[in-house]
Structure formats: structure tokens, C-alpha cells
Amino acid sequence: VTGICCAVKWKYQQQSSSNVLITMDDLVIEVSDEVLGVGGQAVVKKAIDTKTGRFLAMKYSKNVSPSQQERLQMEFNMLSGISPHPNVVHVYGYMATNNAIVMQFLAGGTLRSLVDEVTQQSNGETV
């Protein structure tokens, strides 16, 4: 399957393993089965740019309805309008056919795990 991602050519192919290879502009992305997070609307999987070795995150919509596709596209547009910013995840592209955002991988866990850690360190005191 080939298509256009934000006016950038990309190519999608299933690998012999369960991983997926996506070529987008100058990125060659291998998406793993490793789930980084699941929310009400989307699933985020770990990926790697095979040219540079840089880890990425791929945010996929759980639902392929037109309204959900529009939401993810709006999220991408909003993030790309303020990216790069030191306090906002960097986005690299949006793939309409896969309804996915290609973004910066940030190691360190979830916001919930950070809040839990800070709460435990403060021994119940207000932080």
C-alpha cells in the first residue's frame, strides 16, 4: 500500500514477523507489537527509525470512523503547530490511511506512574 502523508510519500508493508515497516519521506519506520499506552481513543506502539536507530511512537486510533480520523488529524495539526517546543512531544507526520501520528518517543513511563512515584516520595504530603 502506498499513499500520501502530509504531502509526503509513504509506503506500508507487513514484515515476515509481526512488525510493520513504513517508509515515510526520509524515515523508514518499523512498528513493533510493543504497546506503550492505551487510552479511550487510541493505542500507542513503539517504533524505530531503521535508518537512524531513533525510537519513535506511533499513535493509532482504535476506531476508524470519520469523526475519529478527524480528531486524530486535528490533534496532529495542533501538535505540529506548536512543535518543536520543549514541553510538547514532537510530531513527525500523520498517516491518513493508517490513521496514525508518528511522534517522538519519550521514555520514562506514563503521567500516572510519575504522579504515583511523587506521591510515594512525599509520604502523603501535598506536593
N, C-alpha and C. Protein backbone atom coordinates (compact mmCIF):
# COMPACT_ATOMS: atom_id res chain seq x y z
N VAL A 1 0.86 -1.18 0.00
CA VAL A 1 0.00 0.00 0.00
C VAL A 1 0.90 1.23 0.00
N THR A 2 0.60 2.18 -0.83
CA THR A 2 1.32 3.44 -0.80
C THR A 2 0.32 4.56 -0.70
N GLY A 3 0.76 5.73 -0.30
CA GLY A 3 -0.15 6.87 -0.16
C GLY A 3 0.61 8.14 0.13
N ILE A 4 -0.13 9.15 0.51
CA ILE A 4 0.45 10.45 0.83
C ILE A 4 0.21 10.74 2.31
N CYS A 5 1.23 11.16 3.00
CA CYS A 5 1.15 11.52 4.41
C CYS A 5 1.59 12.96 4.53
N CYS A 6 0.66 13.85 4.73
CA CYS A 6 1.00 15.26 4.87
C CYS A 6 1.87 15.69 3.70
N ALA A 7 1.46 15.38 2.50
CA ALA A 7 2.19 15.70 1.27
C ALA A 7 3.55 15.01 1.23
N VAL A 8 3.70 13.94 1.97
CA VAL A 8 4.94 13.17 1.99
C VAL A 8 4.60 11.76 1.55
N LYS A 9 5.35 11.22 0.60
CA LYS A 9 5.09 9.86 0.16
C LYS A 9 5.47 8.88 1.26
N TRP A 10 4.66 7.84 1.42
CA TRP A 10 4.98 6.79 2.37
C TRP A 10 4.57 5.45 1.78
N LYS A 11 5.16 4.41 2.31
CA LYS A 11 4.87 3.05 1.86
C LYS A 11 4.73 2.17 3.09
N TYR A 12 3.75 1.28 3.05
CA TYR A 12 3.42 0.41 4.18
C TYR A 12 3.54 -1.04 3.73
N GLN A 13 4.22 -1.86 4.47
CA GLN A 13 4.26 -3.28 4.13
C GLN A 13 4.39 -4.11 5.39
N GLN A 14 3.73 -5.25 5.40
CA GLN A 14 3.81 -6.17 6.53
C GLN A 14 5.11 -6.95 6.41
N GLN A 15 5.86 -7.02 7.48
CA GLN A 15 7.09 -7.80 7.51
C GLN A 15 6.75 -9.26 7.79
N SER A 16 7.72 -10.13 7.61
CA SER A 16 7.51 -11.56 7.88
C SER A 16 7.21 -11.77 9.37
N SER A 17 7.78 -10.94 10.24
CA SER A 17 7.44 -11.01 11.67
C SER A 17 6.13 -10.25 11.85
N SER A 18 5.75 -10.01 13.07
CA SER A 18 4.52 -9.26 13.32
C SER A 18 4.74 -7.75 13.20
N ASN A 19 5.98 -7.32 13.03
CA ASN A 19 6.27 -5.90 12.89
C ASN A 19 5.85 -5.40 11.51
N VAL A 20 5.63 -4.09 11.41
CA VAL A 20 5.22 -3.45 10.17
C VAL A 20 6.30 -2.44 9.80
N LEU A 21 6.61 -2.37 8.52
CA LEU A 21 7.61 -1.41 8.03
C LEU A 21 6.89 -0.32 7.25
N ILE A 22 7.16 0.93 7.59
CA ILE A 22 6.55 2.08 6.92
C ILE A 22 7.68 2.99 6.44
N THR A 23 7.65 3.37 5.18
CA THR A 23 8.61 4.32 4.65
C THR A 23 7.89 5.65 4.47
N MET A 24 8.40 6.68 5.13
CA MET A 24 7.76 7.99 5.08
C MET A 24 8.83 9.04 4.90
N ASP A 25 8.83 9.72 3.76
CA ASP A 25 9.82 10.73 3.46
C ASP A 25 11.20 10.12 3.66
N ASP A 26 12.00 10.65 4.58
CA ASP A 26 13.33 10.09 4.81
C ASP A 26 13.36 9.13 6.00
N LEU A 27 12.17 8.79 6.56
CA LEU A 27 12.09 7.84 7.66
C LEU A 27 11.74 6.46 7.14
N VAL A 28 12.39 5.45 7.68
CA VAL A 28 11.97 4.06 7.45
C VAL A 28 11.63 3.55 8.84
N ILE A 29 10.34 3.33 9.09
CA ILE A 29 9.84 3.06 10.43
C ILE A 29 9.41 1.61 10.55
N GLU A 30 9.93 0.93 11.56
CA GLU A 30 9.47 -0.41 11.87
C GLU A 30 8.65 -0.32 13.15
N VAL A 31 7.37 -0.66 13.05
CA VAL A 31 6.46 -0.58 14.19
C VAL A 31 6.40 -1.95 14.85
N SER A 32 6.67 -1.97 16.14
CA SER A 32 6.66 -3.24 16.88
C SER A 32 5.27 -3.51 17.46
N ASP A 33 5.13 -4.66 18.07
CA ASP A 33 3.88 -5.01 18.76
C ASP A 33 3.86 -4.44 20.18
N GLU A 34 4.97 -3.84 20.61
CA GLU A 34 5.06 -3.33 21.99
C GLU A 34 4.13 -2.13 22.17
N VAL A 35 3.15 -2.30 23.03
CA VAL A 35 2.19 -1.23 23.32
C VAL A 35 2.74 -0.38 24.45
N LEU A 36 2.86 0.92 24.18
CA LEU A 36 3.35 1.86 25.18
C LEU A 36 2.23 2.41 26.04
N GLY A 37 1.04 2.49 25.46
CA GLY A 37 -0.09 3.02 26.20
C GLY A 37 -1.39 2.80 25.45
N VAL A 38 -2.46 2.76 26.23
CA VAL A 38 -3.79 2.61 25.66
C VAL A 38 -4.70 3.61 26.36
N GLY A 39 -5.44 4.35 25.56
CA GLY A 39 -6.39 5.30 26.10
C GLY A 39 -7.78 4.99 25.58
N GLY A 40 -8.70 5.88 25.84
CA GLY A 40 -10.07 5.68 25.39
C GLY A 40 -10.21 5.72 23.88
N GLN A 41 -9.35 6.48 23.21
CA GLN A 41 -9.49 6.68 21.77
C GLN A 41 -8.36 6.08 20.94
N ALA A 42 -7.21 5.79 21.55
CA ALA A 42 -6.05 5.40 20.75
C ALA A 42 -5.14 4.42 21.48
N VAL A 43 -4.27 3.80 20.68
CA VAL A 43 -3.22 2.90 21.17
C VAL A 43 -1.90 3.46 20.67
N VAL A 44 -0.89 3.48 21.53
CA VAL A 44 0.43 3.96 21.13
C VAL A 44 1.40 2.78 21.15
N LYS A 45 2.08 2.58 20.02
CA LYS A 45 3.04 1.49 19.90
C LYS A 45 4.44 2.05 19.69
N LYS A 46 5.42 1.30 20.16
CA LYS A 46 6.82 1.68 19.99
C LYS A 46 7.26 1.35 18.57
N ALA A 47 8.07 2.22 18.00
CA ALA A 47 8.58 2.02 16.65
C ALA A 47 10.03 2.47 16.63
N ILE A 48 10.71 2.19 15.54
CA ILE A 48 12.10 2.62 15.39
C ILE A 48 12.33 3.08 13.96
N ASP A 49 13.06 4.18 13.83
CA ASP A 49 13.51 4.63 12.52
C ASP A 49 14.72 3.77 12.19
N THR A 50 14.58 2.86 11.24
CA THR A 50 15.65 1.89 10.97
C THR A 50 16.88 2.53 10.35
N LYS A 51 16.75 3.74 9.80
CA LYS A 51 17.93 4.42 9.24
C LYS A 51 18.81 5.01 10.33
N THR A 52 18.18 5.58 11.36
CA THR A 52 18.94 6.28 12.39
C THR A 52 19.02 5.53 13.72
N GLY A 53 18.15 4.54 13.91
CA GLY A 53 18.10 3.84 15.19
C GLY A 53 17.30 4.58 16.24
N ARG A 54 16.70 5.70 15.88
CA ARG A 54 15.93 6.52 16.83
C ARG A 54 14.57 5.87 17.09
N PHE A 55 14.21 5.77 18.37
CA PHE A 55 12.90 5.24 18.72
C PHE A 55 11.83 6.28 18.46
N LEU A 56 10.67 5.82 18.05
CA LEU A 56 9.52 6.67 17.77
C LEU A 56 8.31 6.08 18.47
N ALA A 57 7.23 6.84 18.50
CA ALA A 57 5.95 6.35 18.99
C ALA A 57 4.93 6.54 17.87
N MET A 58 4.10 5.53 17.67
CA MET A 58 3.04 5.58 16.66
C MET A 58 1.71 5.53 17.39
N LYS A 59 0.94 6.60 17.25
CA LYS A 59 -0.37 6.66 17.90
C LYS A 59 -1.44 6.32 16.87
N TYR A 60 -2.13 5.20 17.10
CA TYR A 60 -3.17 4.71 16.20
C TYR A 60 -4.54 4.90 16.83
N SER A 61 -5.49 5.33 16.05
CA SER A 61 -6.87 5.41 16.51
C SER A 61 -7.44 4.01 16.64
N LYS A 62 -8.21 3.77 17.72
CA LYS A 62 -8.87 2.48 17.90
C LYS A 62 -10.05 2.34 16.94
N ASN A 63 -10.60 3.46 16.55
CA ASN A 63 -11.81 3.48 15.75
C ASN A 63 -11.51 4.16 14.42
N VAL A 64 -11.93 3.59 13.33
CA VAL A 64 -11.64 4.18 12.02
C VAL A 64 -12.80 5.01 11.48
N SER A 65 -13.71 5.41 12.36
CA SER A 65 -14.84 6.22 11.92
C SER A 65 -14.33 7.57 11.41
N PRO A 66 -15.06 8.21 10.52
CA PRO A 66 -14.64 9.52 10.01
C PRO A 66 -14.43 10.56 11.12
N SER A 67 -15.27 10.53 12.14
CA SER A 67 -15.11 11.51 13.23
C SER A 67 -13.83 11.27 14.00
N GLN A 68 -13.46 10.00 14.22
CA GLN A 68 -12.22 9.69 14.93
C GLN A 68 -11.01 10.05 14.08
N GLN A 69 -11.08 9.79 12.79
CA GLN A 69 -9.99 10.18 11.90
C GLN A 69 -9.80 11.69 11.94
N GLU A 70 -10.91 12.41 11.95
CA GLU A 70 -10.84 13.88 12.01
C GLU A 70 -10.21 14.35 13.32
N ARG A 71 -10.55 13.68 14.44
CA ARG A 71 -9.97 14.04 15.74
C ARG A 71 -8.45 13.86 15.75
N LEU A 72 -8.00 12.72 15.23
CA LEU A 72 -6.56 12.46 15.21
C LEU A 72 -5.84 13.44 14.28
N GLN A 73 -6.46 13.76 13.15
CA GLN A 73 -5.88 14.75 12.24
C GLN A 73 -5.81 16.12 12.91
N MET A 74 -6.85 16.50 13.67
CA MET A 74 -6.83 17.78 14.39
C MET A 74 -5.76 17.78 15.47
N GLU A 75 -5.59 16.64 16.14
CA GLU A 75 -4.53 16.54 17.16
C GLU A 75 -3.16 16.74 16.52
N PHE A 76 -2.94 16.07 15.38
CA PHE A 76 -1.69 16.24 14.67
C PHE A 76 -1.48 17.70 14.26
N ASN A 77 -2.51 18.32 13.69
CA ASN A 77 -2.40 19.72 13.26
C ASN A 77 -2.06 20.64 14.43
N MET A 78 -2.72 20.42 15.58
CA MET A 78 -2.44 21.24 16.76
C MET A 78 -1.01 21.04 17.24
N LEU A 79 -0.59 19.77 17.37
CA LEU A 79 0.77 19.50 17.85
C LEU A 79 1.83 20.01 16.88
N SER A 80 1.61 19.83 15.58
CA SER A 80 2.61 20.28 14.62
C SER A 80 2.68 21.80 14.57
N GLY A 81 1.60 22.48 14.97
CA GLY A 81 1.61 23.94 15.00
C GLY A 81 2.46 24.51 16.13
N ILE A 82 2.66 23.73 17.21
CA ILE A 82 3.47 24.22 18.33
C ILE A 82 4.77 23.45 18.50
N SER A 83 4.96 22.41 17.69
CA SER A 83 6.17 21.59 17.76
C SER A 83 7.23 22.21 16.84
N PRO A 84 8.47 22.28 17.17
CA PRO A 84 9.08 21.79 18.41
C PRO A 84 8.96 22.80 19.54
N HIS A 85 8.61 22.29 20.69
CA HIS A 85 8.53 23.05 21.93
C HIS A 85 9.07 22.14 23.01
N PRO A 86 9.86 22.66 23.95
CA PRO A 86 10.49 21.77 24.94
C PRO A 86 9.51 21.00 25.81
N ASN A 87 8.26 21.47 25.92
CA ASN A 87 7.29 20.80 26.79
C ASN A 87 6.19 20.08 26.02
N VAL A 88 6.37 19.92 24.72
CA VAL A 88 5.37 19.26 23.88
C VAL A 88 6.07 18.19 23.05
N VAL A 89 5.45 17.02 22.96
CA VAL A 89 6.01 15.94 22.16
C VAL A 89 6.15 16.41 20.71
N HIS A 90 7.25 16.04 20.07
CA HIS A 90 7.48 16.41 18.67
C HIS A 90 6.73 15.43 17.78
N VAL A 91 6.09 15.95 16.74
CA VAL A 91 5.40 15.09 15.78
C VAL A 91 6.12 15.16 14.45
N TYR A 92 6.16 14.01 13.76
CA TYR A 92 6.91 13.92 12.51
C TYR A 92 6.01 13.70 11.30
N GLY A 93 4.78 13.25 11.52
CA GLY A 93 3.89 13.03 10.39
C GLY A 93 2.57 12.44 10.80
N TYR A 94 1.62 12.51 9.87
CA TYR A 94 0.30 11.90 10.05
C TYR A 94 0.02 11.03 8.85
N MET A 95 -0.41 9.80 9.09
CA MET A 95 -0.73 8.88 8.01
C MET A 95 -2.24 8.66 8.00
N ALA A 96 -2.92 9.29 7.05
CA ALA A 96 -4.38 9.20 6.99
C ALA A 96 -4.85 7.78 6.73
N THR A 97 -4.16 7.05 5.87
CA THR A 97 -4.60 5.70 5.54
C THR A 97 -4.55 4.79 6.75
N ASN A 98 -3.54 4.94 7.60
CA ASN A 98 -3.42 4.14 8.82
C ASN A 98 -4.02 4.84 10.02
N ASN A 99 -4.45 6.10 9.84
CA ASN A 99 -4.97 6.92 10.91
C ASN A 99 -4.02 6.89 12.11
N ALA A 100 -2.78 7.34 11.86
CA ALA A 100 -1.75 7.28 12.88
C ALA A 100 -0.90 8.55 12.87
N ILE A 101 -0.42 8.92 14.05
CA ILE A 101 0.53 10.03 14.19
C ILE A 101 1.89 9.44 14.51
N VAL A 102 2.91 9.88 13.79
CA VAL A 102 4.29 9.48 14.07
C VAL A 102 4.87 10.57 14.96
N MET A 103 5.34 10.17 16.14
CA MET A 103 5.81 11.18 17.09
C MET A 103 7.06 10.72 17.83
N GLN A 104 7.61 11.64 18.57
CA GLN A 104 8.79 11.42 19.39
C GLN A 104 8.48 10.38 20.46
N PHE A 105 9.42 9.47 20.68
CA PHE A 105 9.31 8.51 21.78
C PHE A 105 9.91 9.14 23.02
N LEU A 106 9.14 9.15 24.09
CA LEU A 106 9.62 9.68 25.36
C LEU A 106 9.63 8.55 26.38
N ALA A 107 10.82 8.15 26.79
CA ALA A 107 10.95 7.08 27.78
C ALA A 107 10.62 7.62 29.16
N GLY A 108 10.28 6.76 30.06
CA GLY A 108 10.09 7.20 31.43
C GLY A 108 8.74 6.88 32.01
N GLY A 109 7.88 6.23 31.28
CA GLY A 109 6.60 5.83 31.83
C GLY A 109 5.49 6.80 31.53
N THR A 110 4.39 6.57 32.21
CA THR A 110 3.19 7.37 32.00
C THR A 110 3.09 8.50 33.01
N LEU A 111 2.20 9.42 32.75
CA LEU A 111 1.94 10.50 33.71
C LEU A 111 1.44 9.91 35.02
N ARG A 112 0.59 8.88 34.93
CA ARG A 112 0.06 8.23 36.14
C ARG A 112 1.21 7.66 36.98
N SER A 113 2.18 6.99 36.33
CA SER A 113 3.29 6.41 37.09
C SER A 113 4.14 7.50 37.74
N LEU A 114 4.29 8.64 37.09
CA LEU A 114 5.05 9.76 37.66
C LEU A 114 4.32 10.34 38.87
N VAL A 115 3.02 10.52 38.76
CA VAL A 115 2.22 11.04 39.89
C VAL A 115 2.30 10.08 41.06
N ASP A 116 2.17 8.79 40.79
CA ASP A 116 2.25 7.79 41.86
C ASP A 116 3.62 7.81 42.54
N GLU A 117 4.67 7.95 41.74
CA GLU A 117 6.03 7.99 42.30
C GLU A 117 6.23 9.21 43.18
N VAL A 118 5.80 10.37 42.72
CA VAL A 118 5.94 11.61 43.50
C VAL A 118 5.12 11.52 44.79
N THR A 119 3.92 10.93 44.70
CA THR A 119 3.07 10.78 45.87
C THR A 119 3.74 9.88 46.90
N GLN A 120 4.34 8.78 46.47
CA GLN A 120 5.03 7.88 47.40
C GLN A 120 6.23 8.55 48.03
N GLN A 121 6.96 9.35 47.24
CA GLN A 121 8.16 10.03 47.77
C GLN A 121 7.79 11.10 48.77
N SER A 122 6.61 11.68 48.63
CA SER A 122 6.21 12.77 49.53
C SER A 122 5.55 12.26 50.80
N ASN A 123 5.37 10.94 50.90
CA ASN A 123 4.73 10.31 52.07
C ASN A 123 3.38 10.94 52.39
N GLY A 124 2.63 11.23 51.33
CA GLY A 124 1.26 11.74 51.54
C GLY A 124 1.19 13.25 51.71
N GLU A 125 2.34 13.94 51.81
CA GLU A 125 2.31 15.41 51.92
C GLU A 125 1.88 16.01 50.59
N THR A 126 1.29 17.19 50.65
CA THR A 126 0.89 17.87 49.43
C THR A 126 2.13 18.36 48.70
N VAL A 127 2.20 18.04 47.43
CA VAL A 127 3.37 18.43 46.61
C VAL A 127 2.98 19.57 45.72
